[in-house]
């Protein structure tokens, strides 16, 4: 990670490199946070049905994405 930051720092400058790194971290963290929210939504009766449907759809399209 340090080498990547140094490479970005060389290309863009220190301030822009920090922005690029923070954007990358957010691009990884936000989907993970959403999945974590889905996990807790399974506890409710109505939202649990929605979560099971979303998981079923994702499992169904895995074959098309592979």
N, C-alpha and C. Protein backbone atom coordinates (compact mmCIF):
# COMPACT_ATOMS: atom_id res chain seq x y z
N UNK A 1 0.83 -1.19 0.00
CA UNK A 1 0.00 0.00 0.00
C UNK A 1 0.88 1.25 0.00
N UNK A 2 1.98 1.20 0.70
CA UNK A 2 2.86 2.36 0.76
C UNK A 2 3.46 2.64 -0.62
N UNK A 3 3.84 1.59 -1.32
CA UNK A 3 4.42 1.78 -2.66
C UNK A 3 3.39 2.37 -3.61
N UNK A 4 2.15 1.93 -3.49
CA UNK A 4 1.09 2.46 -4.33
C UNK A 4 0.88 3.94 -4.04
N UNK A 5 0.86 4.29 -2.75
CA UNK A 5 0.68 5.70 -2.38
C UNK A 5 1.84 6.53 -2.89
N UNK A 6 3.06 6.01 -2.77
CA UNK A 6 4.23 6.75 -3.26
C UNK A 6 4.17 6.94 -4.76
N UNK A 7 3.68 5.91 -5.48
CA UNK A 7 3.54 6.04 -6.93
C UNK A 7 2.50 7.08 -7.30
N UNK A 8 1.38 7.07 -6.58
CA UNK A 8 0.36 8.08 -6.83
C UNK A 8 0.85 9.47 -6.45
N UNK A 9 1.63 9.53 -5.38
CA UNK A 9 2.19 10.81 -4.94
C UNK A 9 3.11 11.38 -6.02
N UNK A 10 3.88 10.51 -6.65
CA UNK A 10 4.78 10.93 -7.71
C UNK A 10 4.00 11.44 -8.92
N UNK A 11 2.90 10.76 -9.24
CA UNK A 11 2.12 11.14 -10.42
C UNK A 11 1.25 12.36 -10.20
N UNK A 12 0.60 12.46 -9.05
CA UNK A 12 -0.41 13.49 -8.85
C UNK A 12 -0.03 14.56 -7.84
N UNK A 13 0.93 14.30 -6.98
CA UNK A 13 1.21 15.20 -5.87
C UNK A 13 0.58 14.62 -4.61
N UNK A 14 1.04 15.08 -3.47
CA UNK A 14 0.64 14.48 -2.19
C UNK A 14 -0.85 14.63 -1.93
N UNK A 15 -1.40 15.80 -2.17
CA UNK A 15 -2.81 16.03 -1.83
C UNK A 15 -3.74 15.21 -2.72
N UNK A 16 -3.48 15.19 -4.02
CA UNK A 16 -4.33 14.40 -4.92
C UNK A 16 -4.16 12.91 -4.68
N UNK A 17 -2.97 12.48 -4.32
CA UNK A 17 -2.75 11.06 -4.03
C UNK A 17 -3.58 10.63 -2.82
N UNK A 18 -3.65 11.49 -1.82
CA UNK A 18 -4.46 11.16 -0.64
C UNK A 18 -5.93 11.05 -1.02
N UNK A 19 -6.38 11.90 -1.94
CA UNK A 19 -7.77 11.83 -2.38
C UNK A 19 -8.02 10.52 -3.13
N UNK A 20 -7.08 10.12 -3.99
CA UNK A 20 -7.24 8.88 -4.73
C UNK A 20 -7.27 7.67 -3.79
N UNK A 21 -6.42 7.67 -2.79
CA UNK A 21 -6.37 6.56 -1.85
C UNK A 21 -7.66 6.51 -1.03
N UNK A 22 -8.15 7.66 -0.59
CA UNK A 22 -9.38 7.66 0.20
C UNK A 22 -10.57 7.23 -0.65
N UNK A 23 -10.57 7.59 -1.93
CA UNK A 23 -11.63 7.14 -2.83
C UNK A 23 -11.60 5.64 -3.00
N UNK A 24 -10.42 5.07 -3.12
CA UNK A 24 -10.27 3.62 -3.25
C UNK A 24 -10.77 2.91 -1.99
N UNK A 25 -10.41 3.45 -0.84
CA UNK A 25 -10.84 2.84 0.43
C UNK A 25 -12.37 2.90 0.55
N UNK A 26 -12.96 4.02 0.17
CA UNK A 26 -14.42 4.13 0.24
C UNK A 26 -15.10 3.18 -0.75
N UNK A 27 -14.49 2.99 -1.93
CA UNK A 27 -15.07 2.09 -2.92
C UNK A 27 -15.10 0.65 -2.42
N UNK A 28 -14.20 0.30 -1.54
CA UNK A 28 -14.17 -1.04 -0.96
C UNK A 28 -15.05 -1.11 0.29
N UNK A 29 -15.02 -0.07 1.11
CA UNK A 29 -15.72 -0.09 2.39
C UNK A 29 -17.23 0.02 2.26
N UNK A 30 -17.72 0.81 1.33
CA UNK A 30 -19.17 1.01 1.23
C UNK A 30 -19.94 -0.26 0.86
N UNK A 31 -19.51 -1.03 -0.13
CA UNK A 31 -20.24 -2.28 -0.38
C UNK A 31 -20.18 -3.25 0.80
N UNK A 32 -19.05 -3.28 1.50
CA UNK A 32 -18.95 -4.14 2.67
C UNK A 32 -19.89 -3.69 3.78
N UNK A 33 -20.02 -2.39 3.96
CA UNK A 33 -20.96 -1.86 4.96
C UNK A 33 -22.40 -2.19 4.58
N UNK A 34 -22.70 -2.15 3.29
CA UNK A 34 -24.04 -2.47 2.83
C UNK A 34 -24.36 -3.94 3.09
N UNK A 35 -23.41 -4.82 2.83
CA UNK A 35 -23.60 -6.25 3.10
C UNK A 35 -23.81 -6.47 4.60
N UNK A 36 -23.06 -5.76 5.42
CA UNK A 36 -23.21 -5.87 6.87
C UNK A 36 -24.61 -5.41 7.30
N UNK A 37 -25.12 -4.36 6.68
CA UNK A 37 -26.47 -3.88 6.98
C UNK A 37 -27.50 -4.93 6.59
N UNK A 38 -27.30 -5.59 5.44
CA UNK A 38 -28.22 -6.65 5.03
C UNK A 38 -28.26 -7.76 6.07
N UNK A 39 -27.11 -8.09 6.63
CA UNK A 39 -27.05 -9.14 7.65
C UNK A 39 -27.96 -8.80 8.83
N UNK A 40 -27.92 -7.57 9.30
CA UNK A 40 -28.74 -7.17 10.44
C UNK A 40 -30.20 -6.99 10.07
N UNK A 41 -30.49 -6.71 8.80
CA UNK A 41 -31.87 -6.56 8.37
C UNK A 41 -32.60 -7.90 8.31
N UNK A 42 -31.89 -9.01 8.32
CA UNK A 42 -32.53 -10.31 8.29
C UNK A 42 -33.37 -10.57 9.54
N UNK A 43 -33.09 -9.87 10.60
CA UNK A 43 -33.80 -10.09 11.86
C UNK A 43 -35.25 -9.67 11.82
N UNK A 44 -35.58 -8.66 11.04
CA UNK A 44 -36.96 -8.20 10.93
C UNK A 44 -37.72 -9.08 9.95
N UNK A 45 -39.00 -9.26 10.19
CA UNK A 45 -39.80 -10.16 9.34
C UNK A 45 -39.91 -9.64 7.91
N UNK A 46 -40.29 -8.40 7.74
CA UNK A 46 -40.49 -7.84 6.40
C UNK A 46 -39.16 -7.64 5.66
N UNK A 47 -38.19 -7.06 6.33
CA UNK A 47 -36.92 -6.82 5.64
C UNK A 47 -36.15 -8.12 5.45
N UNK A 48 -36.41 -9.12 6.29
CA UNK A 48 -35.76 -10.42 6.13
C UNK A 48 -36.15 -11.08 4.82
N UNK A 49 -37.41 -10.92 4.43
CA UNK A 49 -37.86 -11.45 3.14
C UNK A 49 -37.13 -10.77 1.99
N UNK A 50 -36.97 -9.46 2.10
CA UNK A 50 -36.27 -8.70 1.07
C UNK A 50 -34.81 -9.13 0.97
N UNK A 51 -34.17 -9.32 2.10
CA UNK A 51 -32.77 -9.73 2.12
C UNK A 51 -32.61 -11.11 1.49
N UNK A 52 -33.49 -12.04 1.82
CA UNK A 52 -33.43 -13.38 1.22
C UNK A 52 -33.63 -13.30 -0.29
N UNK A 53 -34.50 -12.41 -0.74
CA UNK A 53 -34.72 -12.25 -2.18
C UNK A 53 -33.47 -11.69 -2.85
N UNK A 54 -32.83 -10.69 -2.24
CA UNK A 54 -31.61 -10.10 -2.79
C UNK A 54 -30.50 -11.14 -2.86
N UNK A 55 -30.35 -11.93 -1.80
CA UNK A 55 -29.32 -12.97 -1.78
C UNK A 55 -29.60 -14.01 -2.86
N UNK A 56 -30.87 -14.38 -3.04
CA UNK A 56 -31.24 -15.33 -4.08
C UNK A 56 -30.93 -14.81 -5.47
N UNK A 57 -31.19 -13.53 -5.71
CA UNK A 57 -30.90 -12.93 -7.01
C UNK A 57 -29.40 -12.92 -7.26
N UNK A 58 -28.62 -12.55 -6.25
CA UNK A 58 -27.16 -12.52 -6.41
C UNK A 58 -26.63 -13.91 -6.69
N UNK A 59 -27.15 -14.91 -5.98
CA UNK A 59 -26.71 -16.29 -6.22
C UNK A 59 -27.12 -16.74 -7.62
N UNK A 60 -28.25 -16.29 -8.12
CA UNK A 60 -28.70 -16.66 -9.44
C UNK A 60 -27.88 -16.06 -10.56
N UNK A 61 -27.37 -14.85 -10.37
CA UNK A 61 -26.61 -14.21 -11.45
C UNK A 61 -25.12 -14.51 -11.38
N UNK A 62 -24.70 -15.23 -10.35
CA UNK A 62 -23.27 -15.61 -10.26
C UNK A 62 -22.81 -16.37 -11.50
N UNK A 63 -23.67 -17.24 -12.03
CA UNK A 63 -23.27 -18.03 -13.19
C UNK A 63 -23.06 -17.15 -14.42
N UNK A 64 -23.82 -16.07 -14.52
CA UNK A 64 -23.67 -15.17 -15.66
C UNK A 64 -22.43 -14.28 -15.51
N UNK A 65 -22.03 -13.99 -14.28
CA UNK A 65 -20.87 -13.14 -14.04
C UNK A 65 -19.55 -13.90 -14.14
N UNK A 66 -19.59 -15.20 -13.96
CA UNK A 66 -18.36 -16.00 -13.98
C UNK A 66 -17.85 -16.24 -15.37
